[in-house]
């Protein structure tokens, strides 16, 4: 994604992570990045440098639990939502849906008005 799009992503990353974990139950970092990439047909690519600080912040806020598990000789850290994380996921997604609706209304061309 272009630099401008990264600005939008920063403001929604917490919501994206909470939504995915609410749906999937338990995921690890790489799995989250791949899920976002697949669901958006490559339009949104999360970097680990952007993702892991958000995961750590969500954990500090009490929204995530972590569990390390050895997979193929390597430790993999899995993330799951706490009960308050689940409630926050619902709230954040709802707030973002309302924001998107408001933006769509705002961006719709008025009769006789053209962009460009």
PDB file of N, CA and C in Angstrom:
ATOM      1  N   UNK A   1       0.820  -1.190   0.000  1.00  0.00           N
ATOM      2  CA  UNK A   1       0.000   0.000   0.000  1.00  0.00           C
ATOM      3  C   UNK A   1       0.863   1.252   0.000  1.00  0.00           C
ATOM      4  N   UNK A   2       0.324   2.306  -0.534  1.00  0.00           N
ATOM      5  CA  UNK A   2       1.054   3.561  -0.591  1.00  0.00           C
ATOM      6  C   UNK A   2       1.146   4.210   0.794  1.00  0.00           C
ATOM      7  N   UNK A   3       2.009   5.203   0.908  1.00  0.00           N
ATOM      8  CA  UNK A   3       2.224   5.873   2.191  1.00  0.00           C
ATOM      9  C   UNK A   3       0.931   6.447   2.761  1.00  0.00           C
ATOM     10  N   UNK A   4       0.090   7.043   1.905  1.00  0.00           N
ATOM     11  CA  UNK A   4      -1.168   7.614   2.373  1.00  0.00           C
ATOM     12  C   UNK A   4      -2.041   6.535   2.993  1.00  0.00           C
ATOM     13  N   UNK A   5      -2.088   5.386   2.376  1.00  0.00           N
ATOM     14  CA  UNK A   5      -2.896   4.286   2.883  1.00  0.00           C
ATOM     15  C   UNK A   5      -2.379   3.805   4.230  1.00  0.00           C
ATOM     16  N   UNK A   6      -1.066   3.868   4.431  1.00  0.00           N
ATOM     17  CA  UNK A   6      -0.491   3.464   5.714  1.00  0.00           C
ATOM     18  C   UNK A   6      -1.012   4.335   6.846  1.00  0.00           C
ATOM     19  N   UNK A   7      -1.314   5.577   6.535  1.00  0.00           N
ATOM     20  CA  UNK A   7      -1.884   6.485   7.531  1.00  0.00           C
ATOM     21  C   UNK A   7      -3.248   5.972   7.996  1.00  0.00           C
ATOM     22  N   UNK A   8      -4.061   5.504   7.070  1.00  0.00           N
ATOM     23  CA  UNK A   8      -5.368   4.945   7.413  1.00  0.00           C
ATOM     24  C   UNK A   8      -5.200   3.657   8.208  1.00  0.00           C
ATOM     25  N   UNK A   9      -4.232   2.854   7.824  1.00  0.00           N
ATOM     26  CA  UNK A   9      -3.998   1.564   8.473  1.00  0.00           C
ATOM     27  C   UNK A   9      -3.620   1.737   9.939  1.00  0.00           C
ATOM     28  N   UNK A  10      -2.766   2.702  10.231  1.00  0.00           N
ATOM     29  CA  UNK A  10      -2.340   2.936  11.619  1.00  0.00           C
ATOM     30  C   UNK A  10      -3.534   3.153  12.538  1.00  0.00           C
ATOM     31  N   UNK A  11      -4.521   3.876  12.061  1.00  0.00           N
ATOM     32  CA  UNK A  11      -5.680   4.175  12.887  1.00  0.00           C
ATOM     33  C   UNK A  11      -6.653   3.019  13.045  1.00  0.00           C
ATOM     34  N   UNK A  12      -6.499   1.985  12.228  1.00  0.00           N
ATOM     35  CA  UNK A  12      -7.448   0.869  12.258  1.00  0.00           C
ATOM     36  C   UNK A  12      -6.818  -0.460  12.650  1.00  0.00           C
ATOM     37  N   UNK A  13      -5.534  -0.469  12.874  1.00  0.00           N
ATOM     38  CA  UNK A  13      -4.824  -1.721  13.122  1.00  0.00           C
ATOM     39  C   UNK A  13      -5.346  -2.468  14.348  1.00  0.00           C
ATOM     40  N   UNK A  14      -5.629  -1.740  15.407  1.00  0.00           N
ATOM     41  CA  UNK A  14      -6.145  -2.365  16.625  1.00  0.00           C
ATOM     42  C   UNK A  14      -7.491  -3.051  16.329  1.00  0.00           C
ATOM     43  N   UNK A  15      -8.343  -2.374  15.588  1.00  0.00           N
ATOM     44  CA  UNK A  15      -9.653  -2.929  15.225  1.00  0.00           C
ATOM     45  C   UNK A  15      -9.491  -4.166  14.352  1.00  0.00           C
ATOM     46  N   UNK A  16      -8.574  -4.122  13.409  1.00  0.00           N
ATOM     47  CA  UNK A  16      -8.320  -5.267  12.520  1.00  0.00           C
ATOM     48  C   UNK A  16      -7.896  -6.487  13.336  1.00  0.00           C
ATOM     49  N   UNK A  17      -6.946  -6.297  14.232  1.00  0.00           N
ATOM     50  CA  UNK A  17      -6.429  -7.408  15.044  1.00  0.00           C
ATOM     51  C   UNK A  17      -7.533  -7.978  15.933  1.00  0.00           C
ATOM     52  N   UNK A  18      -8.281  -7.108  16.595  1.00  0.00           N
ATOM     53  CA  UNK A  18      -9.364  -7.570  17.470  1.00  0.00           C
ATOM     54  C   UNK A  18     -10.415  -8.346  16.673  1.00  0.00           C
ATOM     55  N   UNK A  19     -10.766  -7.848  15.500  1.00  0.00           N
ATOM     56  CA  UNK A  19     -11.772  -8.504  14.646  1.00  0.00           C
ATOM     57  C   UNK A  19     -11.308  -9.897  14.235  1.00  0.00           C
ATOM     58  N   UNK A  20     -10.073 -10.004  13.781  1.00  0.00           N
ATOM     59  CA  UNK A  20      -9.554 -11.313  13.349  1.00  0.00           C
ATOM     60  C   UNK A  20      -9.521 -12.312  14.496  1.00  0.00           C
ATOM     61  N   UNK A  21      -9.067 -11.859  15.645  1.00  0.00           N
ATOM     62  CA  UNK A  21      -9.002 -12.765  16.788  1.00  0.00           C
ATOM     63  C   UNK A  21     -10.397 -13.150  17.285  1.00  0.00           C
ATOM     64  N   UNK A  22     -11.351 -12.230  17.175  1.00  0.00           N
ATOM     65  CA  UNK A  22     -12.728 -12.551  17.561  1.00  0.00           C
ATOM     66  C   UNK A  22     -13.283 -13.646  16.653  1.00  0.00           C
ATOM     67  N   UNK A  23     -12.923 -13.601  15.389  1.00  0.00           N
ATOM     68  CA  UNK A  23     -13.413 -14.595  14.425  1.00  0.00           C
ATOM     69  C   UNK A  23     -12.654 -15.923  14.517  1.00  0.00           C
ATOM     70  N   UNK A  24     -11.343 -15.835  14.637  1.00  0.00           N
ATOM     71  CA  UNK A  24     -10.503 -17.029  14.552  1.00  0.00           C
ATOM     72  C   UNK A  24     -10.230 -17.690  15.906  1.00  0.00           C
ATOM     73  N   UNK A  25     -10.337 -16.922  16.973  1.00  0.00           N
ATOM     74  CA  UNK A  25     -10.117 -17.483  18.301  1.00  0.00           C
ATOM     75  C   UNK A  25      -8.683 -17.413  18.771  1.00  0.00           C
ATOM     76  N   UNK A  26      -7.768 -17.907  17.956  1.00  0.00           N
ATOM     77  CA  UNK A  26      -6.360 -17.952  18.364  1.00  0.00           C
ATOM     78  C   UNK A  26      -5.500 -17.858  17.113  1.00  0.00           C
ATOM     79  N   UNK A  27      -4.554 -16.927  17.118  1.00  0.00           N
ATOM     80  CA  UNK A  27      -3.691 -16.729  15.952  1.00  0.00           C
ATOM     81  C   UNK A  27      -2.297 -16.313  16.419  1.00  0.00           C
ATOM     82  N   UNK A  28      -1.324 -16.509  15.545  1.00  0.00           N
ATOM     83  CA  UNK A  28       0.022 -15.993  15.791  1.00  0.00           C
ATOM     84  C   UNK A  28       0.301 -14.893  14.778  1.00  0.00           C
ATOM     85  N   UNK A  29       1.349 -14.114  15.015  1.00  0.00           N
ATOM     86  CA  UNK A  29       1.618 -12.920  14.225  1.00  0.00           C
ATOM     87  C   UNK A  29       1.620 -13.111  12.721  1.00  0.00           C
ATOM     88  N   UNK A  30       2.400 -14.064  12.233  1.00  0.00           N
ATOM     89  CA  UNK A  30       2.477 -14.286  10.796  1.00  0.00           C
ATOM     90  C   UNK A  30       1.111 -14.649  10.231  1.00  0.00           C
ATOM     91  N   UNK A  31       0.368 -15.436  10.976  1.00  0.00           N
ATOM     92  CA  UNK A  31      -0.978 -15.841  10.562  1.00  0.00           C
ATOM     93  C   UNK A  31      -1.896 -14.616  10.414  1.00  0.00           C
ATOM     94  N   UNK A  32      -1.756 -13.655  11.313  1.00  0.00           N
ATOM     95  CA  UNK A  32      -2.547 -12.419  11.232  1.00  0.00           C
ATOM     96  C   UNK A  32      -2.179 -11.653   9.968  1.00  0.00           C
ATOM     97  N   UNK A  33      -0.881 -11.506   9.704  1.00  0.00           N
ATOM     98  CA  UNK A  33      -0.459 -10.751   8.514  1.00  0.00           C
ATOM     99  C   UNK A  33      -0.964 -11.420   7.242  1.00  0.00           C
ATOM    100  N   UNK A  34      -0.905 -12.738   7.191  1.00  0.00           N
ATOM    101  CA  UNK A  34      -1.346 -13.459   5.993  1.00  0.00           C
ATOM    102  C   UNK A  34      -2.862 -13.388   5.820  1.00  0.00           C
ATOM    103  N   UNK A  35      -3.587 -13.436   6.909  1.00  0.00           N
ATOM    104  CA  UNK A  35      -5.042 -13.347   6.847  1.00  0.00           C
ATOM    105  C   UNK A  35      -5.473 -11.992   6.292  1.00  0.00           C
ATOM    106  N   UNK A  36      -4.837 -10.927   6.751  1.00  0.00           N
ATOM    107  CA  UNK A  36      -5.155  -9.585   6.254  1.00  0.00           C
ATOM    108  C   UNK A  36      -4.837  -9.496   4.766  1.00  0.00           C
ATOM    109  N   UNK A  37      -3.692  -9.990   4.383  1.00  0.00           N
ATOM    110  CA  UNK A  37      -3.276  -9.937   2.977  1.00  0.00           C
ATOM    111  C   UNK A  37      -4.259 -10.710   2.091  1.00  0.00           C
ATOM    112  N   UNK A  38      -4.640 -11.911   2.528  1.00  0.00           N
ATOM    113  CA  UNK A  38      -5.567 -12.734   1.746  1.00  0.00           C
ATOM    114  C   UNK A  38      -6.952 -12.098   1.665  1.00  0.00           C
ATOM    115  N   UNK A  39      -7.468 -11.620   2.790  1.00  0.00           N
ATOM    116  CA  UNK A  39      -8.822 -11.050   2.817  1.00  0.00           C
ATOM    117  C   UNK A  39      -8.942  -9.774   1.999  1.00  0.00           C
ATOM    118  N   UNK A  40      -7.837  -9.057   1.844  1.00  0.00           N
ATOM    119  CA  UNK A  40      -7.872  -7.794   1.100  1.00  0.00           C
ATOM    120  C   UNK A  40      -7.274  -7.940  -0.297  1.00  0.00           C
ATOM    121  N   UNK A  41      -7.066  -9.178  -0.724  1.00  0.00           N
ATOM    122  CA  UNK A  41      -6.468  -9.450  -2.036  1.00  0.00           C
ATOM    123  C   UNK A  41      -5.168  -8.672  -2.238  1.00  0.00           C
ATOM    124  N   UNK A  42      -4.381  -8.593  -1.170  1.00  0.00           N
ATOM    125  CA  UNK A  42      -3.078  -7.948  -1.246  1.00  0.00           C
ATOM    126  C   UNK A  42      -3.108  -6.433  -1.140  1.00  0.00           C
ATOM    127  N   UNK A  43      -4.285  -5.846  -0.983  1.00  0.00           N
ATOM    128  CA  UNK A  43      -4.389  -4.384  -0.882  1.00  0.00           C
ATOM    129  C   UNK A  43      -3.811  -3.863   0.427  1.00  0.00           C
ATOM    130  N   UNK A  44      -3.931  -4.658   1.488  1.00  0.00           N
ATOM    131  CA  UNK A  44      -3.368  -4.261   2.787  1.00  0.00           C
ATOM    132  C   UNK A  44      -2.340  -5.298   3.194  1.00  0.00           C
ATOM    133  N   UNK A  45      -1.132  -4.829   3.436  1.00  0.00           N
ATOM    134  CA  UNK A  45      -0.048  -5.689   3.893  1.00  0.00           C
ATOM    135  C   UNK A  45       0.445  -5.162   5.225  1.00  0.00           C
ATOM    136  N   UNK A  46       0.326  -5.979   6.254  1.00  0.00           N
ATOM    137  CA  UNK A  46       0.810  -5.583   7.576  1.00  0.00           C
ATOM    138  C   UNK A  46       2.273  -5.957   7.713  1.00  0.00           C
ATOM    139  N   UNK A  47       3.053  -5.039   8.217  1.00  0.00           N
ATOM    140  CA  UNK A  47       4.444  -5.357   8.514  1.00  0.00           C
ATOM    141  C   UNK A  47       4.510  -5.805   9.967  1.00  0.00           C
ATOM    142  N   UNK A  48       5.510  -6.607  10.281  1.00  0.00           N
ATOM    143  CA  UNK A  48       5.685  -7.038  11.666  1.00  0.00           C
ATOM    144  C   UNK A  48       6.006  -5.839  12.552  1.00  0.00           C
ATOM    145  N   UNK A  49       6.693  -4.850  11.978  1.00  0.00           N
ATOM    146  CA  UNK A  49       7.034  -3.637  12.721  1.00  0.00           C
ATOM    147  C   UNK A  49       5.813  -2.836  13.141  1.00  0.00           C
ATOM    148  N   UNK A  50       4.731  -2.970  12.392  1.00  0.00           N
ATOM    149  CA  UNK A  50       3.474  -2.304  12.751  1.00  0.00           C
ATOM    150  C   UNK A  50       2.617  -3.205  13.633  1.00  0.00           C
ATOM    151  N   UNK A  51       2.615  -4.507  13.340  1.00  0.00           N
ATOM    152  CA  UNK A  51       1.730  -5.440  14.036  1.00  0.00           C
ATOM    153  C   UNK A  51       2.138  -5.696  15.482  1.00  0.00           C
ATOM    154  N   UNK A  52       3.398  -6.030  15.717  1.00  0.00           N
ATOM    155  CA  UNK A  52       3.794  -6.455  17.061  1.00  0.00           C
ATOM    156  C   UNK A  52       3.637  -5.384  18.146  1.00  0.00           C
ATOM    157  N   UNK A  53       3.923  -4.108  17.854  1.00  0.00           N
ATOM    158  CA  UNK A  53       3.636  -3.100  18.887  1.00  0.00           C
ATOM    159  C   UNK A  53       2.144  -3.049  19.262  1.00  0.00           C
ATOM    160  N   UNK A  54       1.270  -3.247  18.278  1.00  0.00           N
ATOM    161  CA  UNK A  54      -0.172  -3.251  18.556  1.00  0.00           C
ATOM    162  C   UNK A  54      -0.540  -4.473  19.397  1.00  0.00           C
ATOM    163  N   UNK A  55       0.016  -5.633  19.058  1.00  0.00           N
ATOM    164  CA  UNK A  55      -0.247  -6.842  19.841  1.00  0.00           C
ATOM    165  C   UNK A  55       0.215  -6.657  21.289  1.00  0.00           C
ATOM    166  N   UNK A  56       1.396  -6.087  21.467  1.00  0.00           N
ATOM    167  CA  UNK A  56       1.916  -5.869  22.824  1.00  0.00           C
ATOM    168  C   UNK A  56       1.052  -4.863  23.593  1.00  0.00           C
ATOM    169  N   UNK A  57       0.616  -3.812  22.915  1.00  0.00           N
ATOM    170  CA  UNK A  57      -0.237  -2.810  23.565  1.00  0.00           C
ATOM    171  C   UNK A  57      -1.571  -3.438  23.967  1.00  0.00           C
ATOM    172  N   UNK A  58      -2.169  -4.233  23.099  1.00  0.00           N
ATOM    173  CA  UNK A  58      -3.434  -4.899  23.419  1.00  0.00           C
ATOM    174  C   UNK A  58      -3.265  -5.854  24.600  1.00  0.00           C
ATOM    175  N   UNK A  59      -2.106  -6.504  24.650  1.00  0.00           N
ATOM    176  CA  UNK A  59      -1.821  -7.404  25.773  1.00  0.00           C
ATOM    177  C   UNK A  59      -1.698  -6.604  27.075  1.00  0.00           C
ATOM    178  N   UNK A  60      -0.976  -5.481  27.027  1.00  0.00           N
ATOM    179  CA  UNK A  60      -0.809  -4.629  28.207  1.00  0.00           C
ATOM    180  C   UNK A  60      -2.142  -4.068  28.697  1.00  0.00           C
ATOM    181  N   UNK A  61      -3.048  -3.808  27.754  1.00  0.00           N
ATOM    182  CA  UNK A  61      -4.363  -3.259  28.099  1.00  0.00           C
ATOM    183  C   UNK A  61      -5.313  -4.330  28.630  1.00  0.00           C
ATOM    184  N   UNK A  62      -4.859  -5.592  28.628  1.00  0.00           N
ATOM    185  CA  UNK A  62      -5.669  -6.673  29.152  1.00  0.00           C
ATOM    186  C   UNK A  62      -6.660  -7.260  28.167  1.00  0.00           C
ATOM    187  N   UNK A  63      -6.477  -6.971  26.867  1.00  0.00           N
ATOM    188  CA  UNK A  63      -7.391  -7.470  25.848  1.00  0.00           C
ATOM    189  C   UNK A  63      -6.935  -8.791  25.229  1.00  0.00           C
ATOM    190  N   UNK A  64      -5.647  -9.114  25.389  1.00  0.00           N
ATOM    191  CA  UNK A  64      -5.101 -10.341  24.803  1.00  0.00           C
ATOM    192  C   UNK A  64      -4.391 -11.181  25.842  1.00  0.00           C
ATOM    193  N   UNK A  65      -4.446 -12.482  25.644  1.00  0.00           N
ATOM    194  CA  UNK A  65      -3.619 -13.434  26.374  1.00  0.00           C
ATOM    195  C   UNK A  65      -2.655 -14.035  25.372  1.00  0.00           C
ATOM    196  N   UNK A  66      -1.457 -14.342  25.840  1.00  0.00           N
ATOM    197  CA  UNK A  66      -0.487 -14.985  24.957  1.00  0.00           C
ATOM    198  C   UNK A  66      -0.142 -16.358  25.498  1.00  0.00           C
ATOM    199  N   UNK A  67       0.201 -17.220  24.568  1.00  0.00           N
ATOM    200  CA  UNK A  67       0.587 -18.577  24.917  1.00  0.00           C
ATOM    201  C   UNK A  67       1.665 -19.005  23.920  1.00  0.00           C
ATOM    202  N   UNK A  68       2.795 -19.401  24.444  1.00  0.00           N
ATOM    203  CA  UNK A  68       3.873 -19.858  23.572  1.00  0.00           C
ATOM    204  C   UNK A  68       3.801 -21.366  23.420  1.00  0.00           C
ATOM    205  N   UNK A  69       4.055 -21.803  22.201  1.00  0.00           N
ATOM    206  CA  UNK A  69       3.981 -23.224  21.880  1.00  0.00           C
ATOM    207  C   UNK A  69       5.103 -23.553  20.912  1.00  0.00           C
ATOM    208  N   UNK A  70       5.729 -24.693  21.112  1.00  0.00           N
ATOM    209  CA  UNK A  70       6.800 -25.100  20.207  1.00  0.00           C
ATOM    210  C   UNK A  70       6.189 -25.745  18.968  1.00  0.00           C
ATOM    211  N   UNK A  71       6.576 -25.215  17.796  1.00  0.00           N
ATOM    212  CA  UNK A  71       6.109 -25.739  16.513  1.00  0.00           C
ATOM    213  C   UNK A  71       7.334 -25.910  15.624  1.00  0.00           C
ATOM    214  N   UNK A  72       7.578 -27.119  15.183  1.00  0.00           N
ATOM    215  CA  UNK A  72       8.734 -27.423  14.333  1.00  0.00           C
ATOM    216  C   UNK A  72      10.041 -26.918  14.945  1.00  0.00           C
ATOM    217  N   UNK A  73      10.189 -27.102  16.247  1.00  0.00           N
ATOM    218  CA  UNK A  73      11.419 -26.728  16.928  1.00  0.00           C
ATOM    219  C   UNK A  73      11.557 -25.250  17.242  1.00  0.00           C
ATOM    220  N   UNK A  74      10.531 -24.453  16.936  1.00  0.00           N
ATOM    221  CA  UNK A  74      10.586 -23.015  17.220  1.00  0.00           C
ATOM    222  C   UNK A  74       9.416 -22.626  18.102  1.00  0.00           C
ATOM    223  N   UNK A  75       9.647 -21.640  18.958  1.00  0.00           N
ATOM    224  CA  UNK A  75       8.559 -21.142  19.798  1.00  0.00           C
ATOM    225  C   UNK A  75       7.683 -20.196  18.988  1.00  0.00           C
ATOM    226  N   UNK A  76       6.399 -20.429  19.060  1.00  0.00           N
ATOM    227  CA  UNK A  76       5.434 -19.582  18.368  1.00  0.00           C
ATOM    228  C   UNK A  76       4.499 -19.007  19.429  1.00  0.00           C
ATOM    229  N   UNK A  77       4.285 -17.693  19.366  1.00  0.00           N
ATOM    230  CA  UNK A  77       3.430 -17.027  20.338  1.00  0.00           C
ATOM    231  C   UNK A  77       2.038 -16.859  19.740  1.00  0.00           C
ATOM    232  N   UNK A  78       1.054 -17.450  20.416  1.00  0.00           N
ATOM    233  CA  UNK A  78      -0.340 -17.357  19.995  1.00  0.00           C
ATOM    234  C   UNK A  78      -1.056 -16.301  20.831  1.00  0.00           C
ATOM    235  N   UNK A  79      -1.986 -15.625  20.192  1.00  0.00           N
ATOM    236  CA  UNK A  79      -2.759 -14.574  20.848  1.00  0.00           C
ATOM    237  C   UNK A  79      -4.234 -14.966  20.857  1.00  0.00           C
ATOM    238  N   UNK A  80      -4.902 -14.749  21.994  1.00  0.00           N
ATOM    239  CA  UNK A  80      -6.342 -14.961  22.106  1.00  0.00           C
ATOM    240  C   UNK A  80      -6.931 -13.775  22.861  1.00  0.00           C
ATOM    241  N   UNK A  81      -8.212 -13.524  22.632  1.00  0.00           N
ATOM    242  CA  UNK A  81      -8.878 -12.422  23.310  1.00  0.00           C
ATOM    243  C   UNK A  81      -9.287 -12.810  24.721  1.00  0.00           C
ATOM    244  N   UNK A  82      -9.172 -11.872  25.628  1.00  0.00           N
ATOM    245  CA  UNK A  82      -9.747 -12.020  26.965  1.00  0.00           C
ATOM    246  C   UNK A  82     -11.231 -11.657  26.839  1.00  0.00           C
ATOM    247  N   UNK A  83     -12.026 -11.898  27.873  1.00  0.00           N
ATOM    248  CA  UNK A  83     -13.426 -11.454  27.809  1.00  0.00           C
ATOM    249  C   UNK A  83     -13.556  -9.951  27.517  1.00  0.00           C
ATOM    250  N   UNK A  84     -12.720  -9.128  28.131  1.00  0.00           N
ATOM    251  CA  UNK A  84     -12.796  -7.687  27.843  1.00  0.00           C
ATOM    252  C   UNK A  84     -12.307  -7.395  26.423  1.00  0.00           C
ATOM    253  N   UNK A  85     -11.380  -8.211  25.912  1.00  0.00           N
ATOM    254  CA  UNK A  85     -10.936  -8.068  24.526  1.00  0.00           C
ATOM    255  C   UNK A  85     -12.053  -8.382  23.546  1.00  0.00           C
ATOM    256  N   UNK A  86     -12.845  -9.399  23.869  1.00  0.00           N
ATOM    257  CA  UNK A  86     -13.988  -9.747  23.018  1.00  0.00           C
ATOM    258  C   UNK A  86     -15.008  -8.617  22.992  1.00  0.00           C
ATOM    259  N   UNK A  87     -15.289  -8.052  24.143  1.00  0.00           N
ATOM    260  CA  UNK A  87     -16.241  -6.936  24.220  1.00  0.00           C
ATOM    261  C   UNK A  87     -15.700  -5.723  23.465  1.00  0.00           C
ATOM    262  N   UNK A  88     -14.409  -5.472  23.599  1.00  0.00           N
ATOM    263  CA  UNK A  88     -13.785  -4.345  22.908  1.00  0.00           C
ATOM    264  C   UNK A  88     -13.801  -4.562  21.399  1.00  0.00           C
ATOM    265  N   UNK A  89     -13.602  -5.799  20.959  1.00  0.00           N
ATOM    266  CA  UNK A  89     -13.647  -6.111  19.526  1.00  0.00           C
ATOM    267  C   UNK A  89     -15.007  -5.736  18.947  1.00  0.00           C
ATOM    268  N   UNK A  90     -16.075  -6.125  19.632  1.00  0.00           N
ATOM    269  CA  UNK A  90     -17.432  -5.807  19.175  1.00  0.00           C
ATOM    270  C   UNK A  90     -17.623  -4.294  19.104  1.00  0.00           C
ATOM    271  N   UNK A  91     -17.185  -3.607  20.144  1.00  0.00           N
ATOM    272  CA  UNK A  91     -17.320  -2.147  20.206  1.00  0.00           C
ATOM    273  C   UNK A  91     -16.534  -1.465  19.091  1.00  0.00           C
ATOM    274  N   UNK A  92     -15.265  -1.848  18.921  1.00  0.00           N
ATOM    275  CA  UNK A  92     -14.399  -1.210  17.918  1.00  0.00           C
ATOM    276  C   UNK A  92     -14.925  -1.430  16.507  1.00  0.00           C
ATOM    277  N   UNK A  93     -15.371  -2.659  16.209  1.00  0.00           N
ATOM    278  CA  UNK A  93     -15.883  -2.958  14.873  1.00  0.00           C
ATOM    279  C   UNK A  93     -17.145  -2.138  14.610  1.00  0.00           C
ATOM    280  N   UNK A  94     -18.014  -2.049  15.601  1.00  0.00           N
ATOM    281  CA  UNK A  94     -19.240  -1.266  15.463  1.00  0.00           C
ATOM    282  C   UNK A  94     -18.921   0.215  15.228  1.00  0.00           C
ATOM    283  N   UNK A  95     -17.997   0.754  16.011  1.00  0.00           N
ATOM    284  CA  UNK A  95     -17.588   2.153  15.845  1.00  0.00           C
ATOM    285  C   UNK A  95     -17.005   2.386  14.458  1.00  0.00           C
ATOM    286  N   UNK A  96     -16.181   1.449  13.992  1.00  0.00           N
ATOM    287  CA  UNK A  96     -15.549   1.626  12.688  1.00  0.00           C
ATOM    288  C   UNK A  96     -16.575   1.528  11.555  1.00  0.00           C
ATOM    289  N   UNK A  97     -17.540   0.620  11.691  1.00  0.00           N
ATOM    290  CA  UNK A  97     -18.593   0.509  10.671  1.00  0.00           C
ATOM    291  C   UNK A  97     -19.378   1.817  10.578  1.00  0.00           C
ATOM    292  N   UNK A  98     -19.694   2.429  11.727  1.00  0.00           N
ATOM    293  CA  UNK A  98     -20.395   3.717  11.721  1.00  0.00           C
ATOM    294  C   UNK A  98     -19.526   4.803  11.074  1.00  0.00           C
ATOM    295  N   UNK A  99     -18.229   4.769  11.352  1.00  0.00           N
ATOM    296  CA  UNK A  99     -17.309   5.741  10.757  1.00  0.00           C
ATOM    297  C   UNK A  99     -17.263   5.582   9.240  1.00  0.00           C
ATOM    298  N   UNK A 100     -17.173   4.342   8.759  1.00  0.00           N
ATOM    299  CA  UNK A 100     -17.121   4.089   7.314  1.00  0.00           C
ATOM    300  C   UNK A 100     -18.412   4.580   6.655  1.00  0.00           C
ATOM    301  N   UNK A 101     -19.540   4.296   7.259  1.00  0.00           N
ATOM    302  CA  UNK A 101     -20.821   4.773   6.723  1.00  0.00           C
ATOM    303  C   UNK A 101     -20.838   6.301   6.645  1.00  0.00           C
ATOM    304  N   UNK A 102     -20.369   6.959   7.686  1.00  0.00           N
ATOM    305  CA  UNK A 102     -20.331   8.420   7.695  1.00  0.00           C
ATOM    306  C   UNK A 102     -19.391   8.943   6.610  1.00  0.00           C
ATOM    307  N   UNK A 103     -18.244   8.301   6.436  1.00  0.00           N
ATOM    308  CA  UNK A 103     -17.299   8.709   5.393  1.00  0.00           C
ATOM    309  C   UNK A 103     -17.891   8.504   4.004  1.00  0.00           C
ATOM    310  N   UNK A 104     -18.596   7.391   3.798  1.00  0.00           N
ATOM    311  CA  UNK A 104     -19.221   7.148   2.501  1.00  0.00           C
ATOM    312  C   UNK A 104     -20.255   8.231   2.194  1.00  0.00           C
ATOM    313  N   UNK A 105     -21.023   8.591   3.199  1.00  0.00           N
ATOM    314  CA  UNK A 105     -22.011   9.654   3.018  1.00  0.00           C
ATOM    315  C   UNK A 105     -21.315  10.969   2.689  1.00  0.00           C
ATOM    316  N   UNK A 106     -20.264  11.260   3.414  1.00  0.00           N
ATOM    317  CA  UNK A 106     -19.516  12.494   3.206  1.00  0.00           C
ATOM    318  C   UNK A 106     -18.888  12.552   1.815  1.00  0.00           C
ATOM    319  N   UNK A 107     -18.374  11.432   1.347  1.00  0.00           N
ATOM    320  CA  UNK A 107     -17.646  11.404   0.080  1.00  0.00           C
ATOM    321  C   UNK A 107     -18.533  11.274  -1.147  1.00  0.00           C
ATOM    322  N   UNK A 108     -19.794  10.947  -0.956  1.00  0.00           N
ATOM    323  CA  UNK A 108     -20.696  10.845  -2.111  1.00  0.00           C
ATOM    324  C   UNK A 108     -20.818  12.208  -2.767  1.00  0.00           C
ATOM    325  N   UNK A 109     -20.732  12.195  -4.076  1.00  0.00           N
ATOM    326  CA  UNK A 109     -20.855  13.446  -4.811  1.00  0.00           C
ATOM    327  C   UNK A 109     -22.257  14.003  -4.675  1.00  0.00           C
ATOM    328  N   UNK A 110     -22.352  15.296  -4.462  1.00  0.00           N
ATOM    329  CA  UNK A 110     -23.644  15.975  -4.444  1.00  0.00           C
ATOM    330  C   UNK A 110     -24.079  16.186  -5.887  1.00  0.00           C
ATOM    331  N   UNK A 111     -25.355  16.352  -6.106  1.00  0.00           N
ATOM    332  CA  UNK A 111     -25.877  16.555  -7.460  1.00  0.00           C
ATOM    333  C   UNK A 111     -25.179  17.763  -8.088  1.00  0.00           C
ATOM    334  N   UNK A 112     -24.621  17.540  -9.266  1.00  0.00           N
ATOM    335  CA  UNK A 112     -23.956  18.611  -9.991  1.00  0.00           C
ATOM    336  C   UNK A 112     -22.519  18.869  -9.576  1.00  0.00           C
ATOM    337  N   UNK A 113     -22.027  18.179  -8.560  1.00  0.00           N
ATOM    338  CA  UNK A 113     -20.660  18.369  -8.072  1.00  0.00           C
ATOM    339  C   UNK A 113     -19.801  17.228  -8.564  1.00  0.00           C
ATOM    340  N   UNK A 114     -18.681  17.531  -9.178  1.00  0.00           N
ATOM    341  CA  UNK A 114     -17.758  16.480  -9.612  1.00  0.00           C
ATOM    342  C   UNK A 114     -16.425  16.700  -8.956  1.00  0.00           C
ATOM    343  N   UNK A 115     -15.768  15.593  -8.676  1.00  0.00           N
ATOM    344  CA  UNK A 115     -14.426  15.653  -8.083  1.00  0.00           C
ATOM    345  C   UNK A 115     -13.411  15.640  -9.210  1.00  0.00           C
ATOM    346  N   UNK A 116     -12.328  16.323  -9.026  1.00  0.00           N
ATOM    347  CA  UNK A 116     -11.292  16.260 -10.036  1.00  0.00           C
ATOM    348  C   UNK A 116     -10.783  17.560 -10.324  1.00  0.00           C
TER     349      UNK A 116
END
